[in-house]
Amino acid sequence: MTQTDRQAGEPGAAEPAEAPEPPARRFEDLPPAAQRALREAEARRTEFDRQQAEAQKEYGGRGGKDPARFGDWEIKGIAIDF
């Protein structure tokens, strides 16, 4: 029996080879629109990080994300629904 005669899932059937990952592209090789989009995204991330660093810190707070925005407020295993 040849490999082409075997059915998928049968013992001894060849498994399909995984496709190799495409090589990473350099920034300079990208189209101008993609380069501009990446620069704009980096500028937005930098501005967001700067604003986060300048924001007032909460002392004695719960920690983590805002519970009103991200679902239930869970403290010591108790979920409190607002």
PDB file of N, CA and C in Angstrom:
ATOM      1  N   MET A   1       0.852  -1.169   0.000  1.00  0.00           N
ATOM      2  CA  MET A   1       0.000   0.000   0.000  1.00  0.00           C
ATOM      3  C   MET A   1       0.900   1.235   0.000  1.00  0.00           C
ATOM      4  N   THR A   2       0.630   2.147  -0.902  1.00  0.00           N
ATOM      5  CA  THR A   2       1.441   3.357  -0.972  1.00  0.00           C
ATOM      6  C   THR A   2       0.852   4.419  -0.058  1.00  0.00           C
ATOM      7  N   GLN A   3       1.612   5.461   0.140  1.00  0.00           N
ATOM      8  CA  GLN A   3       1.174   6.517   1.039  1.00  0.00           C
ATOM      9  C   GLN A   3      -0.067   7.217   0.494  1.00  0.00           C
ATOM     10  N   THR A   4      -0.209   7.299  -0.808  1.00  0.00           N
ATOM     11  CA  THR A   4      -1.384   7.957  -1.381  1.00  0.00           C
ATOM     12  C   THR A   4      -2.627   7.103  -1.233  1.00  0.00           C
ATOM     13  N   ASP A   5      -2.469   5.774  -1.051  1.00  0.00           N
ATOM     14  CA  ASP A   5      -3.606   4.888  -0.876  1.00  0.00           C
ATOM     15  C   ASP A   5      -4.149   4.933   0.547  1.00  0.00           C
ATOM     16  N   ARG A   6      -3.370   5.374   1.498  1.00  0.00           N
ATOM     17  CA  ARG A   6      -3.799   5.391   2.893  1.00  0.00           C
ATOM     18  C   ARG A   6      -4.797   6.521   3.120  1.00  0.00           C
ATOM     19  N   GLN A   7      -5.735   6.272   3.987  1.00  0.00           N
ATOM     20  CA  GLN A   7      -6.719   7.285   4.349  1.00  0.00           C
ATOM     21  C   GLN A   7      -6.218   8.076   5.547  1.00  0.00           C
ATOM     22  N   ALA A   8      -6.635   9.315   5.648  1.00  0.00           N
ATOM     23  CA  ALA A   8      -6.259  10.136   6.803  1.00  0.00           C
ATOM     24  C   ALA A   8      -6.861   9.512   8.047  1.00  0.00           C
ATOM     25  N   GLY A   9      -6.094   9.460   9.101  1.00  0.00           N
ATOM     26  CA  GLY A   9      -6.562   8.890  10.351  1.00  0.00           C
ATOM     27  C   GLY A   9      -6.205   7.429  10.507  1.00  0.00           C
ATOM     28  N   GLU A  10      -5.798   6.750   9.439  1.00  0.00           N
ATOM     29  CA  GLU A  10      -5.386   5.352   9.549  1.00  0.00           C
ATOM     30  C   GLU A  10      -4.010   5.286  10.176  1.00  0.00           C
ATOM     31  N   PRO A  11      -3.740   4.199  10.879  1.00  0.00           N
ATOM     32  CA  PRO A  11      -2.386   4.049  11.409  1.00  0.00           C
ATOM     33  C   PRO A  11      -1.384   4.022  10.259  1.00  0.00           C
ATOM     34  N   GLY A  12      -0.316   4.744  10.425  1.00  0.00           N
ATOM     35  CA  GLY A  12       0.713   4.785   9.395  1.00  0.00           C
ATOM     36  C   GLY A  12       0.498   5.863   8.356  1.00  0.00           C
ATOM     37  N   ALA A  13      -0.636   6.571   8.427  1.00  0.00           N
ATOM     38  CA  ALA A  13      -0.877   7.649   7.474  1.00  0.00           C
ATOM     39  C   ALA A  13       0.051   8.811   7.796  1.00  0.00           C
ATOM     40  N   ALA A  14       0.579   9.415   6.772  1.00  0.00           N
ATOM     41  CA  ALA A  14       1.511  10.527   6.972  1.00  0.00           C
ATOM     42  C   ALA A  14       0.749  11.756   7.453  1.00  0.00           C
ATOM     43  N   GLU A  15       1.312  12.462   8.436  1.00  0.00           N
ATOM     44  CA  GLU A  15       0.699  13.689   8.925  1.00  0.00           C
ATOM     45  C   GLU A  15       1.138  14.840   8.025  1.00  0.00           C
ATOM     46  N   PRO A  16       0.246  15.800   7.791  1.00  0.00           N
ATOM     47  CA  PRO A  16       0.632  16.925   6.932  1.00  0.00           C
ATOM     48  C   PRO A  16       1.739  17.738   7.597  1.00  0.00           C
ATOM     49  N   ALA A  17       2.670  18.170   6.788  1.00  0.00           N
ATOM     50  CA  ALA A  17       3.789  18.964   7.300  1.00  0.00           C
ATOM     51  C   ALA A  17       3.293  20.361   7.652  1.00  0.00           C
ATOM     52  N   GLU A  18       3.807  20.913   8.747  1.00  0.00           N
ATOM     53  CA  GLU A  18       3.429  22.267   9.137  1.00  0.00           C
ATOM     54  C   GLU A  18       4.090  23.260   8.192  1.00  0.00           C
ATOM     55  N   ALA A  19       3.329  24.274   7.830  1.00  0.00           N
ATOM     56  CA  ALA A  19       3.864  25.294   6.932  1.00  0.00           C
ATOM     57  C   ALA A  19       4.874  26.142   7.690  1.00  0.00           C
ATOM     58  N   PRO A  20       6.014  26.403   7.093  1.00  0.00           N
ATOM     59  CA  PRO A  20       6.999  27.241   7.785  1.00  0.00           C
ATOM     60  C   PRO A  20       6.482  28.673   7.904  1.00  0.00           C
ATOM     61  N   GLU A  21       6.886  29.351   8.970  1.00  0.00           N
ATOM     62  CA  GLU A  21       6.472  30.738   9.157  1.00  0.00           C
ATOM     63  C   GLU A  21       7.167  31.610   8.119  1.00  0.00           C
ATOM     64  N   PRO A  22       6.441  32.595   7.596  1.00  0.00           N
ATOM     65  CA  PRO A  22       7.086  33.483   6.624  1.00  0.00           C
ATOM     66  C   PRO A  22       8.171  34.298   7.326  1.00  0.00           C
ATOM     67  N   PRO A  23       9.213  34.649   6.612  1.00  0.00           N
ATOM     68  CA  PRO A  23      10.284  35.425   7.247  1.00  0.00           C
ATOM     69  C   PRO A  23       9.778  36.799   7.674  1.00  0.00           C
ATOM     70  N   ALA A  24      10.321  37.313   8.768  1.00  0.00           N
ATOM     71  CA  ALA A  24       9.935  38.633   9.253  1.00  0.00           C
ATOM     72  C   ALA A  24      10.405  39.696   8.258  1.00  0.00           C
ATOM     73  N   ARG A  25       9.556  40.695   8.062  1.00  0.00           N
ATOM     74  CA  ARG A  25       9.904  41.757   7.124  1.00  0.00           C
ATOM     75  C   ARG A  25      10.518  42.924   7.875  1.00  0.00           C
ATOM     76  N   ARG A  26      11.499  43.528   7.267  1.00  0.00           N
ATOM     77  CA  ARG A  26      12.112  44.713   7.852  1.00  0.00           C
ATOM     78  C   ARG A  26      11.172  45.894   7.670  1.00  0.00           C
ATOM     79  N   PHE A  27      11.282  46.861   8.569  1.00  0.00           N
ATOM     80  CA  PHE A  27      10.438  48.054   8.506  1.00  0.00           C
ATOM     81  C   PHE A  27      10.591  48.756   7.161  1.00  0.00           C
ATOM     82  N   GLU A  28      11.807  48.827   6.659  1.00  0.00           N
ATOM     83  CA  GLU A  28      12.069  49.528   5.399  1.00  0.00           C
ATOM     84  C   GLU A  28      11.437  48.815   4.208  1.00  0.00           C
ATOM     85  N   ASP A  29      11.166  47.507   4.334  1.00  0.00           N
ATOM     86  CA  ASP A  29      10.587  46.743   3.227  1.00  0.00           C
ATOM     87  C   ASP A  29       9.066  46.874   3.153  1.00  0.00           C
ATOM     88  N   LEU A  30       8.446  47.443   4.190  1.00  0.00           N
ATOM     89  CA  LEU A  30       6.992  47.582   4.208  1.00  0.00           C
ATOM     90  C   LEU A  30       6.551  48.719   3.295  1.00  0.00           C
ATOM     91  N   PRO A  31       5.312  48.660   2.808  1.00  0.00           N
ATOM     92  CA  PRO A  31       4.794  49.764   1.991  1.00  0.00           C
ATOM     93  C   PRO A  31       4.719  51.050   2.826  1.00  0.00           C
ATOM     94  N   PRO A  32       4.751  52.205   2.175  1.00  0.00           N
ATOM     95  CA  PRO A  32       4.715  53.478   2.912  1.00  0.00           C
ATOM     96  C   PRO A  32       3.504  53.612   3.840  1.00  0.00           C
ATOM     97  N   ALA A  33       2.343  53.129   3.418  1.00  0.00           N
ATOM     98  CA  ALA A  33       1.150  53.232   4.268  1.00  0.00           C
ATOM     99  C   ALA A  33       1.322  52.416   5.550  1.00  0.00           C
ATOM    100  N   ALA A  34       1.917  51.244   5.448  1.00  0.00           N
ATOM    101  CA  ALA A  34       2.144  50.414   6.630  1.00  0.00           C
ATOM    102  C   ALA A  34       3.173  51.058   7.553  1.00  0.00           C
ATOM    103  N   GLN A  35       4.200  51.654   6.976  1.00  0.00           N
ATOM    104  CA  GLN A  35       5.206  52.348   7.788  1.00  0.00           C
ATOM    105  C   GLN A  35       4.566  53.506   8.552  1.00  0.00           C
ATOM    106  N   ARG A  36       3.720  54.271   7.864  1.00  0.00           N
ATOM    107  CA  ARG A  36       3.048  55.396   8.508  1.00  0.00           C
ATOM    108  C   ARG A  36       2.134  54.908   9.632  1.00  0.00           C
ATOM    109  N   ALA A  37       1.399  53.830   9.392  1.00  0.00           N
ATOM    110  CA  ALA A  37       0.500  53.289  10.412  1.00  0.00           C
ATOM    111  C   ALA A  37       1.276  52.819  11.637  1.00  0.00           C
ATOM    112  N   LEU A  38       2.410  52.178  11.427  1.00  0.00           N
ATOM    113  CA  LEU A  38       3.220  51.718  12.556  1.00  0.00           C
ATOM    114  C   LEU A  38       3.796  52.890  13.345  1.00  0.00           C
ATOM    115  N   ARG A  39       4.219  53.945  12.646  1.00  0.00           N
ATOM    116  CA  ARG A  39       4.734  55.128  13.346  1.00  0.00           C
ATOM    117  C   ARG A  39       3.630  55.804  14.156  1.00  0.00           C
ATOM    118  N   GLU A  40       2.420  55.894  13.580  1.00  0.00           N
ATOM    119  CA  GLU A  40       1.298  56.505  14.298  1.00  0.00           C
ATOM    120  C   GLU A  40       0.919  55.678  15.522  1.00  0.00           C
ATOM    121  N   ALA A  41       0.919  54.364  15.397  1.00  0.00           N
ATOM    122  CA  ALA A  41       0.595  53.498  16.533  1.00  0.00           C
ATOM    123  C   ALA A  41       1.630  53.649  17.641  1.00  0.00           C
ATOM    124  N   GLU A  42       2.891  53.737  17.273  1.00  0.00           N
ATOM    125  CA  GLU A  42       3.951  53.928  18.275  1.00  0.00           C
ATOM    126  C   GLU A  42       3.784  55.267  18.982  1.00  0.00           C
ATOM    127  N   ALA A  43       3.405  56.307  18.227  1.00  0.00           N
ATOM    128  CA  ALA A  43       3.187  57.622  18.838  1.00  0.00           C
ATOM    129  C   ALA A  43       2.013  57.573  19.812  1.00  0.00           C
ATOM    130  N   ARG A  44       0.928  56.863  19.442  1.00  0.00           N
ATOM    131  CA  ARG A  44      -0.219  56.731  20.348  1.00  0.00           C
ATOM    132  C   ARG A  44       0.165  55.983  21.616  1.00  0.00           C
ATOM    133  N   ARG A  45       0.934  54.893  21.478  1.00  0.00           N
ATOM    134  CA  ARG A  45       1.369  54.135  22.661  1.00  0.00           C
ATOM    135  C   ARG A  45       2.248  54.986  23.561  1.00  0.00           C
ATOM    136  N   THR A  46       3.145  55.756  22.971  1.00  0.00           N
ATOM    137  CA  THR A  46       4.031  56.620  23.753  1.00  0.00           C
ATOM    138  C   THR A  46       3.224  57.668  24.508  1.00  0.00           C
ATOM    139  N   GLU A  47       2.252  58.295  23.842  1.00  0.00           N
ATOM    140  CA  GLU A  47       1.407  59.300  24.484  1.00  0.00           C
ATOM    141  C   GLU A  47       0.579  58.673  25.607  1.00  0.00           C
ATOM    142  N   PHE A  48       0.019  57.498  25.383  1.00  0.00           N
ATOM    143  CA  PHE A  48      -0.769  56.814  26.414  1.00  0.00           C
ATOM    144  C   PHE A  48       0.100  56.490  27.621  1.00  0.00           C
ATOM    145  N   ASP A  49       1.303  55.967  27.390  1.00  0.00           N
ATOM    146  CA  ASP A  49       2.213  55.647  28.493  1.00  0.00           C
ATOM    147  C   ASP A  49       2.592  56.907  29.270  1.00  0.00           C
ATOM    148  N   ARG A  50       2.789  58.026  28.560  1.00  0.00           N
ATOM    149  CA  ARG A  50       3.123  59.283  29.227  1.00  0.00           C
ATOM    150  C   ARG A  50       1.970  59.747  30.103  1.00  0.00           C
ATOM    151  N   GLN A  51       0.733  59.661  29.589  1.00  0.00           N
ATOM    152  CA  GLN A  51      -0.437  60.066  30.364  1.00  0.00           C
ATOM    153  C   GLN A  51      -0.629  59.172  31.586  1.00  0.00           C
ATOM    154  N   GLN A  52      -0.388  57.885  31.435  1.00  0.00           N
ATOM    155  CA  GLN A  52      -0.513  56.967  32.569  1.00  0.00           C
ATOM    156  C   GLN A  52       0.507  57.298  33.651  1.00  0.00           C
ATOM    157  N   ALA A  53       1.715  57.666  33.247  1.00  0.00           N
ATOM    158  CA  ALA A  53       2.760  57.996  34.214  1.00  0.00           C
ATOM    159  C   ALA A  53       2.439  59.295  34.951  1.00  0.00           C
ATOM    160  N   GLU A  54       1.769  60.239  34.279  1.00  0.00           N
ATOM    161  CA  GLU A  54       1.437  61.524  34.887  1.00  0.00           C
ATOM    162  C   GLU A  54       0.172  61.478  35.732  1.00  0.00           C
ATOM    163  N   ALA A  55      -0.663  60.458  35.576  1.00  0.00           N
ATOM    164  CA  ALA A  55      -1.929  60.376  36.299  1.00  0.00           C
ATOM    165  C   ALA A  55      -1.674  60.250  37.798  1.00  0.00           C
ATOM    166  N   GLN A  56      -2.596  60.817  38.589  1.00  0.00           N
ATOM    167  CA  GLN A  56      -2.466  60.719  40.036  1.00  0.00           C
ATOM    168  C   GLN A  56      -2.647  59.272  40.464  1.00  0.00           C
ATOM    169  N   LYS A  57      -1.860  58.877  41.446  1.00  0.00           N
ATOM    170  CA  LYS A  57      -1.922  57.510  41.947  1.00  0.00           C
ATOM    171  C   LYS A  57      -2.958  57.417  43.059  1.00  0.00           C
ATOM    172  N   GLU A  58      -3.603  56.282  43.177  1.00  0.00           N
ATOM    173  CA  GLU A  58      -4.570  56.051  44.239  1.00  0.00           C
ATOM    174  C   GLU A  58      -3.856  55.376  45.395  1.00  0.00           C
ATOM    175  N   TYR A  59      -4.013  55.911  46.577  1.00  0.00           N
ATOM    176  CA  TYR A  59      -3.381  55.339  47.764  1.00  0.00           C
ATOM    177  C   TYR A  59      -4.420  54.562  48.556  1.00  0.00           C
ATOM    178  N   GLY A  60      -4.077  53.342  48.932  1.00  0.00           N
ATOM    179  CA  GLY A  60      -4.988  52.512  49.718  1.00  0.00           C
ATOM    180  C   GLY A  60      -6.134  51.945  48.912  1.00  0.00           C
ATOM    181  N   GLY A  61      -6.024  51.982  47.605  1.00  0.00           N
ATOM    182  CA  GLY A  61      -7.098  51.485  46.760  1.00  0.00           C
ATOM    183  C   GLY A  61      -7.047  49.979  46.592  1.00  0.00           C
ATOM    184  N   ARG A  62      -7.978  49.468  45.855  1.00  0.00           N
ATOM    185  CA  ARG A  62      -8.148  48.046  45.652  1.00  0.00           C
ATOM    186  C   ARG A  62      -7.015  47.453  44.833  1.00  0.00           C
ATOM    187  N   GLY A  63      -6.518  48.166  43.860  1.00  0.00           N
ATOM    188  CA  GLY A  63      -5.525  47.616  42.948  1.00  0.00           C
ATOM    189  C   GLY A  63      -6.206  46.938  41.772  1.00  0.00           C
ATOM    190  N   GLY A  64      -5.523  46.858  40.689  1.00  0.00           N
ATOM    191  CA  GLY A  64      -6.098  46.220  39.504  1.00  0.00           C
ATOM    192  C   GLY A  64      -6.942  47.190  38.695  1.00  0.00           C
ATOM    193  N   LYS A  65      -7.690  46.629  37.781  1.00  0.00           N
ATOM    194  CA  LYS A  65      -8.501  47.440  36.880  1.00  0.00           C
ATOM    195  C   LYS A  65      -9.755  47.948  37.582  1.00  0.00           C
ATOM    196  N   ASP A  66     -10.358  48.988  37.019  1.00  0.00           N
ATOM    197  CA  ASP A  66     -11.552  49.601  37.584  1.00  0.00           C
ATOM    198  C   ASP A  66     -12.702  48.595  37.563  1.00  0.00           C
ATOM    199  N   PRO A  67     -13.267  48.238  38.721  1.00  0.00           N
ATOM    200  CA  PRO A  67     -14.308  47.213  38.756  1.00  0.00           C
ATOM    201  C   PRO A  67     -15.595  47.647  38.071  1.00  0.00           C
ATOM    202  N   ALA A  68     -15.892  48.945  38.078  1.00  0.00           N
ATOM    203  CA  ALA A  68     -17.109  49.407  37.425  1.00  0.00           C
ATOM    204  C   ALA A  68     -17.004  49.262  35.915  1.00  0.00           C
ATOM    205  N   ARG A  69     -15.790  49.291  35.408  1.00  0.00           N
ATOM    206  CA  ARG A  69     -15.600  49.178  33.971  1.00  0.00           C
ATOM    207  C   ARG A  69     -15.383  47.737  33.542  1.00  0.00           C
ATOM    208  N   PHE A  70     -14.731  46.934  34.384  1.00  0.00           N
ATOM    209  CA  PHE A  70     -14.327  45.599  33.979  1.00  0.00           C
ATOM    210  C   PHE A  70     -15.091  44.497  34.705  1.00  0.00           C
ATOM    211  N   GLY A  71     -16.331  44.732  35.103  1.00  0.00           N
ATOM    212  CA  GLY A  71     -17.144  43.669  35.681  1.00  0.00           C
ATOM    213  C   GLY A  71     -17.246  43.776  37.189  1.00  0.00           C
ATOM    214  N   ASP A  72     -17.517  42.627  37.828  1.00  0.00           N
ATOM    215  CA  ASP A  72     -17.732  42.584  39.271  1.00  0.00           C
ATOM    216  C   ASP A  72     -16.510  43.026  40.050  1.00  0.00           C
ATOM    217  N   TRP A  73     -16.764  43.510  41.220  1.00  0.00           N
ATOM    218  CA  TRP A  73     -15.704  43.920  42.138  1.00  0.00           C
ATOM    219  C   TRP A  73     -15.495  42.756  43.085  1.00  0.00           C
ATOM    220  N   GLU A  74     -14.382  42.099  42.964  1.00  0.00           N
ATOM    221  CA  GLU A  74     -14.147  40.893  43.743  1.00  0.00           C
ATOM    222  C   GLU A  74     -13.107  41.175  44.822  1.00  0.00           C
ATOM    223  N   ILE A  75     -13.497  40.975  46.090  1.00  0.00           N
ATOM    224  CA  ILE A  75     -12.604  41.180  47.223  1.00  0.00           C
ATOM    225  C   ILE A  75     -12.679  39.944  48.104  1.00  0.00           C
ATOM    226  N   LYS A  76     -11.566  39.314  48.331  1.00  0.00           N
ATOM    227  CA  LYS A  76     -11.474  38.140  49.201  1.00  0.00           C
ATOM    228  C   LYS A  76     -12.493  37.071  48.803  1.00  0.00           C
ATOM    229  N   GLY A  77     -12.651  36.863  47.519  1.00  0.00           N
ATOM    230  CA  GLY A  77     -13.535  35.813  47.031  1.00  0.00           C
ATOM    231  C   GLY A  77     -14.995  36.194  46.975  1.00  0.00           C
ATOM    232  N   ILE A  78     -15.349  37.416  47.329  1.00  0.00           N
ATOM    233  CA  ILE A  78     -16.744  37.848  47.302  1.00  0.00           C
ATOM    234  C   ILE A  78     -16.930  38.784  46.113  1.00  0.00           C
ATOM    235  N   ALA A  79     -17.870  38.448  45.256  1.00  0.00           N
ATOM    236  CA  ALA A  79     -18.160  39.307  44.110  1.00  0.00           C
ATOM    237  C   ALA A  79     -19.353  40.181  44.463  1.00  0.00           C
ATOM    238  N   ILE A  80     -19.192  41.482  44.325  1.00  0.00           N
ATOM    239  CA  ILE A  80     -20.248  42.428  44.644  1.00  0.00           C
ATOM    240  C   ILE A  80     -20.706  43.039  43.331  1.00  0.00           C
ATOM    241  N   ASP A  81     -21.968  42.838  43.013  1.00  0.00           N
ATOM    242  CA  ASP A  81     -22.518  43.392  41.785  1.00  0.00           C
ATOM    243  C   ASP A  81     -23.064  44.773  42.107  1.00  0.00           C
ATOM    244  N   PHE A  82     -22.653  45.778  41.355  1.00  0.00           N
ATOM    245  CA  PHE A  82     -23.072  47.146  41.646  1.00  0.00           C
ATOM    246  C   PHE A  82     -24.534  47.335  41.356  1.00  0.00           C
TER     247      PHE A  82
END
